Protein backbone atom coordinates (compact mmCIF):
# COMPACT_ATOMS: atom_id res chain seq x y z
CA MET A 1 95.19 56.18 72.97
CA LYS A 2 97.75 58.32 74.81
CA ARG A 3 100.46 57.39 72.31
CA ALA A 4 98.23 58.38 69.38
CA LEU A 5 97.42 61.70 71.03
CA MET A 6 101.09 62.44 71.65
CA ILE A 7 101.94 61.67 68.02
CA SER A 8 99.20 64.07 66.90
CA VAL A 9 100.55 66.81 69.16
CA LEU A 10 104.10 66.34 67.86
CA VAL A 11 102.92 66.46 64.25
CA LEU A 12 100.91 69.59 65.01
CA ALA A 13 104.00 71.24 66.49
CA ALA A 14 106.11 70.21 63.49
CA PHE A 15 103.57 71.81 61.16
CA LEU A 16 103.70 75.12 62.99
CA THR A 17 107.48 75.36 63.16
CA ALA A 18 108.14 74.25 59.57
CA PRO A 19 108.69 76.90 56.86
CA PRO A 20 105.58 77.70 54.80
CA GLY A 21 104.96 74.96 52.27
CA ALA A 22 107.55 72.61 53.79
CA SER A 23 105.26 70.56 56.07
CA ALA A 24 104.02 67.28 54.61
CA THR A 25 101.42 66.87 57.33
CA SER A 26 99.12 69.36 58.92
CA PRO A 27 96.12 69.63 61.24
CA THR A 28 92.69 69.90 59.67
CA TRP A 29 89.05 69.72 60.63
CA LYS A 30 87.12 66.54 59.89
CA THR A 31 83.53 67.57 59.26
CA LEU A 32 80.85 65.34 60.77
CA PRO A 33 77.26 64.81 59.58
CA THR A 34 74.73 66.38 61.94
CA GLY A 35 71.55 66.16 59.89
CA THR A 36 70.63 69.82 60.36
CA ASP A 37 71.45 73.22 58.86
CA ALA A 38 71.16 75.11 62.17
CA GLN A 39 74.04 77.41 63.06
CA PHE A 40 75.92 76.19 66.13
CA ARG A 41 77.60 78.95 68.12
CA GLY A 42 77.36 76.98 71.37
CA LEU A 43 79.91 74.19 71.85
CA SER A 44 81.13 72.16 74.84
CA ALA A 45 83.76 69.44 74.37
CA VAL A 46 83.61 66.87 77.18
CA SER A 47 86.02 64.35 75.64
CA ARG A 48 87.11 62.89 72.32
CA GLN A 49 83.85 60.93 72.33
CA VAL A 50 81.37 63.31 73.99
CA ALA A 51 80.42 66.80 72.82
CA TRP A 52 77.36 69.05 72.92
CA VAL A 53 76.47 71.82 70.43
CA SER A 54 73.64 74.33 70.53
CA GLY A 55 72.17 76.94 68.22
CA GLN A 56 69.24 78.13 66.20
CA ARG A 57 65.63 76.96 66.38
CA GLY A 58 66.05 75.47 69.86
CA THR A 59 68.56 72.96 68.53
CA VAL A 60 70.82 71.08 70.95
CA LEU A 61 72.79 68.09 69.69
CA ARG A 62 74.78 65.54 71.67
CA THR A 63 77.22 62.87 70.54
CA VAL A 64 78.69 60.12 72.72
CA ASP A 65 80.60 58.26 69.99
CA GLY A 66 83.04 60.83 68.62
CA GLY A 67 80.56 62.35 66.19
CA ARG A 68 79.47 59.24 64.31
CA ARG A 69 75.93 59.96 65.45
CA PHE A 70 74.28 63.09 66.85
CA GLU A 71 71.05 63.12 68.85
CA GLN A 72 68.66 66.07 68.87
CA VAL A 73 68.11 66.59 72.60
CA GLY A 74 66.98 70.22 72.85
CA PRO A 75 64.34 71.36 75.35
CA PRO A 76 60.80 70.88 74.00
CA GLY A 77 58.82 73.95 73.00
CA THR A 78 61.89 76.12 72.34
CA ALA A 79 61.90 76.32 68.53
CA GLU A 80 61.79 80.11 68.75
CA LEU A 81 64.98 80.27 70.85
CA ASP A 82 68.63 80.57 69.81
CA PHE A 83 70.91 78.63 72.17
CA ARG A 84 74.18 80.56 71.76
CA ASP A 85 76.05 78.82 74.59
CA ILE A 86 76.14 75.44 76.29
CA GLU A 87 78.33 74.11 79.11
CA ALA A 88 78.41 70.34 79.62
CA PHE A 89 79.95 68.46 82.54
CA ASP A 90 79.60 64.93 81.14
CA ALA A 91 77.45 62.91 78.75
CA LYS A 92 74.32 63.52 80.84
CA THR A 93 74.60 66.96 82.45
CA ALA A 94 74.56 70.28 80.58
CA VAL A 95 73.41 73.89 80.99
CA ALA A 96 72.23 75.80 77.90
CA LEU A 97 71.70 79.55 77.45
CA SER A 98 69.37 81.12 74.89
CA ILE A 99 69.93 84.75 73.96
CA GLY A 100 67.72 87.71 73.18
CA ALA A 101 65.99 90.64 74.79
CA GLY A 102 63.59 90.09 77.62
CA GLU A 103 62.24 86.57 78.09
CA SER A 104 64.21 85.19 75.13
CA SER A 105 67.22 85.04 77.49
CA ARG A 106 66.77 81.78 79.40
CA ILE A 107 68.86 79.06 81.04
CA TYR A 108 67.93 75.38 80.87
CA ARG A 109 69.52 72.41 82.64
CA THR A 110 69.47 68.67 81.96
CA ALA A 111 70.85 65.81 84.05
CA ASP A 112 69.72 62.89 81.85
CA GLY A 113 71.38 63.53 78.50
CA GLY A 114 68.65 65.86 77.26
CA ARG A 115 65.66 63.57 77.76
CA THR A 116 64.24 66.16 80.15
CA TRP A 117 65.14 69.78 80.86
CA THR A 118 64.37 72.22 83.66
CA GLU A 119 64.06 75.93 82.99
CA ALA A 120 66.36 77.41 85.63
CA PHE A 121 66.20 81.10 84.70
CA ARG A 122 64.02 83.35 82.56
CA ASN A 123 64.98 87.00 82.21
CA THR A 124 62.23 89.40 83.24
CA GLU A 125 64.00 92.68 82.41
CA PRO A 126 62.79 93.85 78.98
CA ALA A 127 66.11 95.60 78.23
CA ALA A 128 68.42 92.81 79.44
CA PHE A 129 70.13 90.49 76.95
CA TYR A 130 72.29 87.59 78.15
CA ASN A 131 75.16 86.28 76.01
CA CYS A 132 77.46 83.65 77.55
CA LEU A 133 77.99 81.03 80.28
CA ALA A 134 81.08 79.63 82.01
CA PHE A 135 81.67 77.19 84.87
CA TRP A 136 84.64 76.62 87.15
CA ASP A 137 83.36 73.16 88.09
CA SER A 138 80.12 71.19 88.14
CA ARG A 139 78.59 73.51 90.75
CA ASN A 140 79.98 77.03 90.37
CA GLY A 141 79.41 79.17 87.30
CA LEU A 142 78.17 82.45 85.92
CA ALA A 143 76.16 83.94 83.06
CA VAL A 144 76.78 87.42 81.67
CA GLY A 145 74.75 89.92 79.68
CA ASP A 146 74.75 93.38 78.14
CA PRO A 147 74.47 96.51 80.31
CA VAL A 148 71.14 97.80 81.53
CA ASP A 149 71.16 101.33 82.94
CA GLY A 150 74.96 101.36 82.63
CA GLU A 151 75.73 98.06 84.40
CA PHE A 152 76.55 94.68 82.88
CA ARG A 153 74.31 91.87 83.96
CA VAL A 154 76.04 88.99 85.82
CA LEU A 155 74.35 85.94 87.33
CA THR A 156 76.09 83.36 89.52
CA THR A 157 75.20 79.80 90.52
CA SER A 158 76.64 77.50 93.17
CA ASP A 159 74.38 74.49 92.59
CA GLY A 160 75.27 73.47 89.06
CA GLY A 161 72.92 75.89 87.32
CA ARG A 162 69.74 74.94 89.16
CA THR A 163 69.34 78.47 90.62
CA TRP A 164 70.87 81.84 89.70
CA SER A 165 71.44 85.11 91.59
CA ARG A 166 72.28 88.51 90.16
CA VAL A 167 75.51 90.32 91.11
CA THR A 168 75.56 94.12 91.27
CA GLY A 169 78.26 96.75 91.65
CA LEU A 170 80.21 96.14 88.43
CA PRO A 171 82.35 98.90 86.87
CA PRO A 172 80.13 101.30 84.89
CA ALA A 173 79.66 100.38 81.25
CA LEU A 174 80.94 102.77 78.61
CA ALA A 175 78.59 104.44 76.14
CA GLY A 176 77.61 101.88 73.52
CA GLU A 177 79.49 99.05 75.24
CA TYR A 178 78.14 95.51 75.08
CA GLN A 179 79.18 91.90 74.51
CA PHE A 180 79.18 89.65 71.45
CA SER A 181 77.32 86.33 71.59
CA ALA A 182 79.23 84.93 68.62
CA SER A 183 80.74 81.83 70.21
CA GLY A 184 79.76 81.49 73.85
CA GLN A 185 83.21 82.80 74.81
CA CYS A 186 82.50 86.38 75.86
CA VAL A 187 83.12 85.11 79.39
CA THR A 188 85.68 82.58 80.60
CA VAL A 189 87.04 81.23 83.88
CA ALA A 190 90.31 79.77 85.17
CA GLY A 191 91.60 78.39 88.45
CA ARG A 192 89.10 78.23 91.28
CA LYS A 193 87.72 81.79 91.34
CA ASP A 194 88.92 83.96 88.40
CA ALA A 195 86.62 85.09 85.60
CA TRP A 196 86.92 87.49 82.63
CA LEU A 197 84.17 89.27 80.69
CA ALA A 198 84.87 90.61 77.17
CA THR A 199 83.38 93.74 75.63
CA GLY A 200 83.19 95.82 72.47
CA GLY A 201 80.85 98.28 70.81
CA SER A 202 82.30 101.43 72.39
CA THR A 203 85.38 103.55 71.71
CA VAL A 204 87.64 100.97 73.42
CA ALA A 205 87.41 97.21 73.89
CA ARG A 206 87.72 96.13 77.51
CA VAL A 207 88.04 93.01 79.64
CA LEU A 208 86.48 92.92 83.11
CA HIS A 209 88.13 90.62 85.67
CA SER A 210 86.81 89.02 88.86
CA LYS A 211 88.96 87.22 91.44
CA ASP A 212 86.08 86.05 93.62
CA ARG A 213 83.71 84.08 91.38
CA GLY A 214 81.96 87.12 90.01
CA ARG A 215 81.16 89.03 93.18
CA THR A 216 83.45 92.01 92.41
CA TRP A 217 85.04 93.19 89.15
CA THR A 218 87.72 95.52 87.76
CA ALA A 219 88.11 96.70 84.15
CA SER A 220 91.09 97.08 81.82
CA VAL A 221 91.47 98.42 78.30
CA THR A 222 92.83 96.19 75.52
CA PRO A 223 94.57 97.19 72.25
CA LEU A 224 91.78 95.63 70.18
CA ALA A 225 89.80 97.88 67.90
CA SER A 226 86.27 98.65 69.05
CA SER A 227 83.16 99.84 67.25
CA GLU A 228 79.54 98.81 66.79
CA SER A 229 80.79 95.65 65.03
CA ALA A 230 84.23 95.24 66.63
CA GLY A 231 85.83 94.40 69.95
CA VAL A 232 86.82 91.39 72.04
CA PHE A 233 84.66 88.45 70.97
CA ALA A 234 86.35 85.74 73.03
CA VAL A 235 88.68 85.36 75.99
CA ALA A 236 90.60 82.28 77.15
CA PHE A 237 93.02 81.75 80.03
CA ARG A 238 95.51 78.95 80.58
CA ASN A 239 95.68 79.88 84.28
CA PRO A 240 94.72 82.92 86.40
CA ARG A 241 97.59 84.95 84.94
CA GLY A 242 98.15 84.01 81.30
CA GLY A 243 95.41 84.63 78.75
CA ILE A 244 94.28 85.88 75.36
CA ALA A 245 91.62 88.26 74.04
CA ILE A 246 90.63 87.80 70.39
CA GLY A 247 88.09 89.27 68.02
CA GLY A 248 88.17 91.93 65.34
CA ASP A 249 85.41 93.39 63.18
CA TYR A 250 82.73 90.97 62.04
CA ALA A 251 81.67 93.50 59.39
CA ASN A 252 85.18 93.24 57.90
CA PRO A 253 86.00 89.55 58.47
CA THR A 254 89.14 89.40 56.31
CA SER A 255 90.96 92.00 58.42
CA GLY A 256 92.91 90.86 61.45
CA ALA A 257 94.15 94.33 62.37
CA ASP A 258 94.03 95.15 66.09
CA ALA A 259 92.19 91.89 66.76
CA LEU A 260 94.31 90.08 69.36
CA ALA A 261 96.02 90.80 72.68
CA LEU A 262 97.84 88.81 75.34
CA THR A 263 98.21 89.20 79.09
CA ARG A 264 100.63 87.79 81.67
CA ASP A 265 99.14 89.47 84.75
CA GLY A 266 95.58 88.20 84.83
CA GLY A 267 94.22 90.87 82.53
CA ARG A 268 95.50 94.02 84.23
CA THR A 269 97.54 94.88 81.13
CA TRP A 270 97.35 93.68 77.52
CA ARG A 271 99.81 93.74 74.61
CA ALA A 272 99.54 93.00 70.90
CA PRO A 273 101.56 89.97 69.67
CA GLU A 274 104.14 89.80 66.88
CA THR A 275 101.65 88.27 64.42
CA ALA A 276 97.94 87.54 64.47
CA PRO A 277 95.41 85.58 62.42
CA ALA A 278 94.62 87.10 59.03
CA GLY A 279 90.99 87.85 59.85
CA TYR A 280 88.30 88.31 62.45
CA ARG A 281 88.20 85.36 64.86
CA SER A 282 85.19 84.62 67.06
CA ALA A 283 86.61 81.90 69.33
CA VAL A 284 89.87 80.62 70.80
CA THR A 285 90.96 77.77 73.07
CA TYR A 286 94.12 76.41 74.66
CA HIS A 287 95.19 72.87 73.83
CA PRO A 288 95.23 70.82 77.05
CA PHE A 289 98.54 69.01 76.45
CA LEU A 290 100.84 71.87 75.43
CA PRO A 291 100.85 74.92 77.75
CA THR A 292 101.54 77.42 74.95
CA ALA A 293 99.31 75.93 72.21
CA LEU A 294 96.20 77.79 71.01
CA ILE A 295 93.61 77.27 68.29
CA ALA A 296 91.44 80.11 66.95
CA VAL A 297 88.51 79.96 64.51
CA GLY A 298 86.36 82.39 62.57
CA PRO A 299 84.43 82.79 59.32
CA THR A 300 87.57 83.01 57.15
CA GLY A 301 89.70 80.26 58.68
CA SER A 302 91.34 78.49 61.59
CA ASP A 303 94.79 79.24 63.03
CA VAL A 304 97.22 77.63 65.46
CA SER A 305 99.90 79.09 67.73
CA PHE A 306 102.51 77.16 69.67
CA ASP A 307 104.21 80.04 71.45
CA GLY A 308 101.40 81.35 73.63
CA GLY A 309 99.79 83.42 70.89
CA ARG A 310 102.81 85.44 69.74
CA ASN A 311 102.90 83.86 66.27
CA TRP A 312 100.15 82.21 64.25
CA ARG A 313 99.73 80.05 61.17
CA GLN A 314 96.48 79.35 59.35
CA PHE A 315 95.77 75.65 58.77
CA HIS A 316 92.17 75.67 57.50
CA ASP A 317 90.21 78.12 55.34
CA GLY A 318 86.70 76.98 56.22
CA SER A 319 84.21 78.82 58.44
CA PHE A 320 83.61 78.01 62.11
CA ASP A 321 82.12 80.03 64.98
CA SER A 322 83.35 78.20 68.09
CA VAL A 323 86.15 75.87 69.18
CA ASP A 324 86.78 73.87 72.34
CA CYS A 325 89.29 71.24 73.49
CA ALA A 326 88.52 68.58 76.10
CA ARG A 327 90.87 67.48 78.84
CA ASP A 328 91.75 64.27 76.95
CA GLY A 329 92.97 66.24 73.91
CA GLY A 330 89.88 66.01 71.76
CA CYS A 331 89.27 69.32 69.96
CA TRP A 332 85.95 70.25 68.35
CA ALA A 333 84.66 73.13 66.22
CA SER A 334 81.13 74.22 65.27
CA GLY A 335 79.53 76.76 62.98
CA ALA A 336 77.01 77.62 60.30
CA ARG A 337 74.85 75.21 58.27
CA GLY A 338 75.04 72.48 60.89
CA ALA A 339 78.83 72.36 60.89
CA VAL A 340 80.55 70.27 63.58
CA ALA A 341 84.12 68.97 63.20
CA THR A 342 86.93 67.28 65.10
CA LEU A 343 90.60 68.14 64.80
CA THR A 344 92.74 65.57 63.02
CA VAL A 345 96.42 65.54 62.10
CA GLY A 346 97.84 63.69 59.13
């Protein structure tokens, strides 16, 4: 298994560094049958064999055999909910977030592979709208939401998502500023305590950073364009210092202008790279085996970078909303019309 993974990584690198049209092999997405047409914006890759996806109509699917078979394991009585994010720790334990104003924003937890679920949080603020989840480990995590009365909503947990507490005192939100729940990646974590929250919707797109598991935050401005339909849609960090902010304008999905930025200082400063994907991208992830490898997806294609995000090459022209790579090298993507796929090289 390790030898096969290493061969795949080497072929992937050869594809990126070869001149356009010169590579005989390339990475691609292998689409898997899910038996549903729900849109999956929530995705959590546990391994090459185990993955969870979540989305419309209360749909949560789980596979434990590499995608040969998917089980519908969503919480009962949630057909009216849209599960935009899911974080799984193994084949049995997962935490799912549904989005929407007021009580539509909820968090559910399962510890038996989805046979039973516990509702761990239900939003009671009519104006609040939660968007994304992230966990440092099986106990510590956070959920983030749009501003209410000028302050972003942040919840933290230290018991694996069983209970949640609100954090206050965040930097004031800008006029019109909010988050995008396009891929479950508007918040990310790295190391033991660092977290980053992505924004858009205002005159500038920002990233908020916490060094203490969400208790306190600072804000920085990125070079990404920002408007009602544009901003930072996803953030990913290789470690507490090196990371990427990606997005664009979902109303103009073929434009990749001002849609990507990189940081080397934990998000204090951001810079635009030499090249960027050719369109709006809603999700991005680091490959676990190569420290400078990244994969980004969006409605107009998928792209790969092997130099930390400075240069990109498109390898797939299909539509996906989210992407995630597991620690064992298995990479998964999910999207509209029940789309779930695994990365293959050949």
